[in-house]
Amino acid sequence: MKKVYQKPDASEHAPYYGQYIALVTDPDPVHLMKMQILDLQALLADVPMEKENFRYAEGKWTIKELIGHIIDCERIFAYRALRIGRGDTTPLAGFEEDDYVKNTDFNKRSLPSLGHEFGLVRENTLALYDHFSPEELLRIGIANNHPVSVRAILYIIAGHQLHHERILRERYLPEL
């Protein structure tokens, strides 16, 4: 039976994440997330190899770093969903996204490799969400000192990618 999802209300996430959740207009966020795999990989396929390390301004991430950031965040968000969904009430720490990018060298990798890894991570996330019950989706835990539901994390993951894909289209690709 197909699950029916409703957007989380504001009590289910930190205010900051409302910007990502608002971007998810598809009534089926899981379907959207499946399509995002192909969309992102097709977008990356259009980036010339010599432009993979392009950054649109000084101090901004390269295209490869941006994709690495999306991958890292999805792993962290999915881990939070797993813990909260399984009833773990231990407060979960936040993370500093810039430090994650700074402490690895995504630029030594190929963009197709990052696109492939993104697909694998996303498939893992989708498999996790496929087995959450309606009750588990509504469970709320604490992450980065804020309440967050398993359902909200689903929308955050989808919206986070939409946000960064828009930046990729608007700020990176026109410069190529």
Protein backbone atom coordinates (compact mmCIF):
# COMPACT_ATOMS: atom_id res chain seq x y z
CA MET A 1 0.00 0.00 0.00
CA LYS A 2 1.34 3.42 -0.97
CA LYS A 3 2.02 5.78 1.91
CA VAL A 4 0.38 9.16 1.96
CA TYR A 5 2.59 11.92 3.33
CA GLN A 6 1.58 15.22 4.82
CA LYS A 7 4.00 18.08 5.27
CA PRO A 8 5.24 18.40 8.81
CA ASP A 9 4.03 21.32 10.85
CA ALA A 10 6.38 23.89 12.35
CA SER A 11 6.55 22.06 15.70
CA GLU A 12 8.31 19.14 13.98
CA HIS A 13 11.49 20.94 12.96
CA ALA A 14 13.80 23.86 13.68
CA PRO A 15 12.65 27.10 12.01
CA TYR A 16 15.74 27.08 9.76
CA TYR A 17 14.55 23.94 7.99
CA GLY A 18 11.24 25.51 7.01
CA GLN A 19 12.97 26.96 3.93
CA TYR A 20 13.76 23.46 2.65
CA ILE A 21 10.39 21.96 3.53
CA ALA A 22 8.62 24.80 1.71
CA LEU A 23 10.42 23.87 -1.52
CA VAL A 24 8.81 20.42 -1.56
CA THR A 25 5.59 20.93 -3.51
CA ASP A 26 5.23 17.37 -4.80
CA PRO A 27 2.50 15.63 -2.76
CA ASP A 28 4.67 12.50 -2.74
CA PRO A 29 8.13 13.39 -1.40
CA VAL A 30 9.38 9.82 -1.92
CA HIS A 31 8.52 9.98 -5.62
CA LEU A 32 10.26 13.35 -5.80
CA MET A 33 13.36 11.91 -4.15
CA LYS A 34 13.46 9.04 -6.65
CA MET A 35 13.29 11.52 -9.52
CA GLN A 36 15.99 13.67 -7.92
CA ILE A 37 18.53 10.90 -8.44
CA LEU A 38 18.16 11.04 -12.20
CA ASP A 39 17.72 14.82 -12.28
CA LEU A 40 20.95 15.49 -10.41
CA GLN A 41 22.94 12.91 -12.35
CA ALA A 42 21.68 14.36 -15.67
CA LEU A 43 22.59 17.86 -14.51
CA LEU A 44 26.08 16.75 -13.56
CA ALA A 45 26.56 14.98 -16.89
CA ASP A 46 26.35 18.38 -18.59
CA VAL A 47 29.31 19.79 -16.64
CA PRO A 48 32.49 19.73 -18.74
CA MET A 49 35.33 17.85 -17.02
CA GLU A 50 37.54 20.96 -17.02
CA LYS A 51 34.82 22.88 -15.11
CA GLU A 52 34.12 20.33 -12.36
CA ASN A 53 36.18 22.35 -9.85
CA PHE A 54 34.51 25.65 -10.76
CA ARG A 55 33.35 27.93 -7.95
CA TYR A 56 31.15 30.90 -8.81
CA ALA A 57 32.81 33.22 -6.28
CA GLU A 58 35.83 33.32 -3.99
CA GLY A 59 35.22 31.29 -0.85
CA LYS A 60 32.29 29.35 -2.33
CA TRP A 61 32.34 25.60 -2.79
CA THR A 62 33.28 24.01 -6.09
CA ILE A 63 30.66 21.97 -7.93
CA LYS A 64 32.24 18.80 -6.55
CA GLU A 65 32.22 20.19 -3.01
CA LEU A 66 28.57 21.15 -3.37
CA ILE A 67 27.66 17.60 -4.39
CA GLY A 68 29.80 16.20 -1.56
CA HIS A 69 27.94 18.47 0.84
CA ILE A 70 24.57 17.15 -0.37
CA ILE A 71 25.80 13.58 0.14
CA ASP A 72 27.20 14.24 3.62
CA CYS A 73 24.04 16.01 4.76
CA GLU A 74 21.78 13.28 3.47
CA ARG A 75 23.80 10.67 5.38
CA ILE A 76 23.52 12.69 8.58
CA PHE A 77 19.82 13.41 8.13
CA ALA A 78 19.07 9.74 7.38
CA TYR A 79 21.06 8.67 10.46
CA ARG A 80 18.96 11.05 12.54
CA ALA A 81 15.79 9.59 11.02
CA LEU A 82 16.94 6.06 11.81
CA ARG A 83 17.74 6.87 15.43
CA ILE A 84 14.53 8.80 16.03
CA GLY A 85 12.39 6.33 14.10
CA ARG A 86 13.69 3.49 16.24
CA GLY A 87 12.70 5.34 19.40
CA ASP A 88 16.18 6.46 20.44
CA THR A 89 15.64 9.54 22.61
CA THR A 90 19.31 10.48 22.89
CA PRO A 91 19.73 14.10 21.74
CA LEU A 92 21.74 14.18 18.51
CA ALA A 93 24.52 16.68 17.97
CA GLY A 94 24.59 19.25 15.19
CA PHE A 95 27.38 19.48 12.63
CA GLU A 96 29.29 22.21 10.87
CA GLU A 97 28.81 21.76 7.14
CA ASP A 98 31.80 23.91 6.18
CA ASP A 99 34.09 21.78 8.34
CA TYR A 100 32.86 18.62 6.65
CA VAL A 101 33.72 20.03 3.23
CA LYS A 102 37.01 21.46 4.46
CA ASN A 103 38.10 18.15 5.99
CA THR A 104 37.86 16.07 2.83
CA ASP A 105 38.96 16.69 -0.71
CA PHE A 106 35.97 16.18 -2.95
CA ASN A 107 37.92 17.95 -5.70
CA LYS A 108 40.21 14.91 -6.11
CA ARG A 109 37.20 12.83 -7.12
CA SER A 110 35.42 12.79 -10.44
CA LEU A 111 32.00 14.34 -10.75
CA PRO A 112 30.55 11.07 -12.15
CA SER A 113 31.90 9.29 -9.06
CA LEU A 114 30.15 11.79 -6.79
CA GLY A 115 26.95 11.50 -8.81
CA HIS A 116 27.07 7.73 -8.48
CA GLU A 117 27.68 7.95 -4.73
CA PHE A 118 24.77 10.34 -4.40
CA GLY A 119 22.53 7.78 -6.11
CA LEU A 120 23.66 5.04 -3.72
CA VAL A 121 23.12 7.22 -0.65
CA ARG A 122 19.69 8.29 -1.89
CA GLU A 123 18.66 4.67 -2.58
CA ASN A 124 19.71 3.84 0.98
CA THR A 125 17.59 6.71 2.32
CA LEU A 126 14.60 5.60 0.26
CA ALA A 127 14.95 2.01 1.52
CA LEU A 128 14.97 3.32 5.10
CA TYR A 129 11.84 5.39 4.58
CA ASP A 130 10.09 2.57 2.75
CA HIS A 131 9.87 0.65 6.00
CA PHE A 132 8.93 3.37 8.47
CA SER A 133 5.42 2.87 9.81
CA PRO A 134 3.02 5.82 10.06
CA GLU A 135 3.74 5.90 13.79
CA GLU A 136 7.50 5.93 13.27
CA LEU A 137 7.22 8.81 10.79
CA LEU A 138 5.62 10.91 13.51
CA ARG A 139 8.24 10.21 16.17
CA ILE A 140 10.06 13.28 17.34
CA GLY A 141 13.58 13.46 18.68
CA ILE A 142 16.11 16.17 19.35
CA ALA A 143 18.77 17.06 16.79
CA ASN A 144 21.02 20.09 17.12
CA ASN A 145 18.99 21.21 20.17
CA HIS A 146 15.68 21.27 18.26
CA PRO A 147 12.79 18.86 17.96
CA VAL A 148 12.56 17.06 14.62
CA SER A 149 10.25 14.33 13.38
CA VAL A 150 11.17 11.48 11.09
CA ARG A 151 8.60 12.87 8.65
CA ALA A 152 10.18 16.34 8.75
CA ILE A 153 13.58 14.85 7.97
CA LEU A 154 12.15 13.28 4.81
CA TYR A 155 11.02 16.71 3.61
CA ILE A 156 14.28 18.34 4.74
CA ILE A 157 16.32 15.89 2.66
CA ALA A 158 14.22 16.46 -0.46
CA GLY A 159 14.14 20.24 0.02
CA HIS A 160 17.85 20.47 0.80
CA GLN A 161 18.64 18.95 -2.58
CA LEU A 162 16.13 21.24 -4.32
CA HIS A 163 17.80 24.23 -2.68
CA HIS A 164 21.29 23.25 -3.79
CA GLU A 165 20.17 22.15 -7.23
CA ARG A 166 18.67 25.62 -7.71
CA ILE A 167 21.98 27.20 -6.68
CA LEU A 168 23.80 24.90 -9.10
CA ARG A 169 21.47 25.95 -11.94
CA GLU A 170 21.46 29.67 -11.12
CA ARG A 171 25.02 30.37 -9.97
CA TYR A 172 27.26 27.67 -11.38
CA LEU A 173 25.92 26.42 -14.68
CA PRO A 174 25.36 29.82 -16.34
CA GLU A 175 29.08 30.52 -15.81
CA LEU A 176 30.15 27.36 -17.60
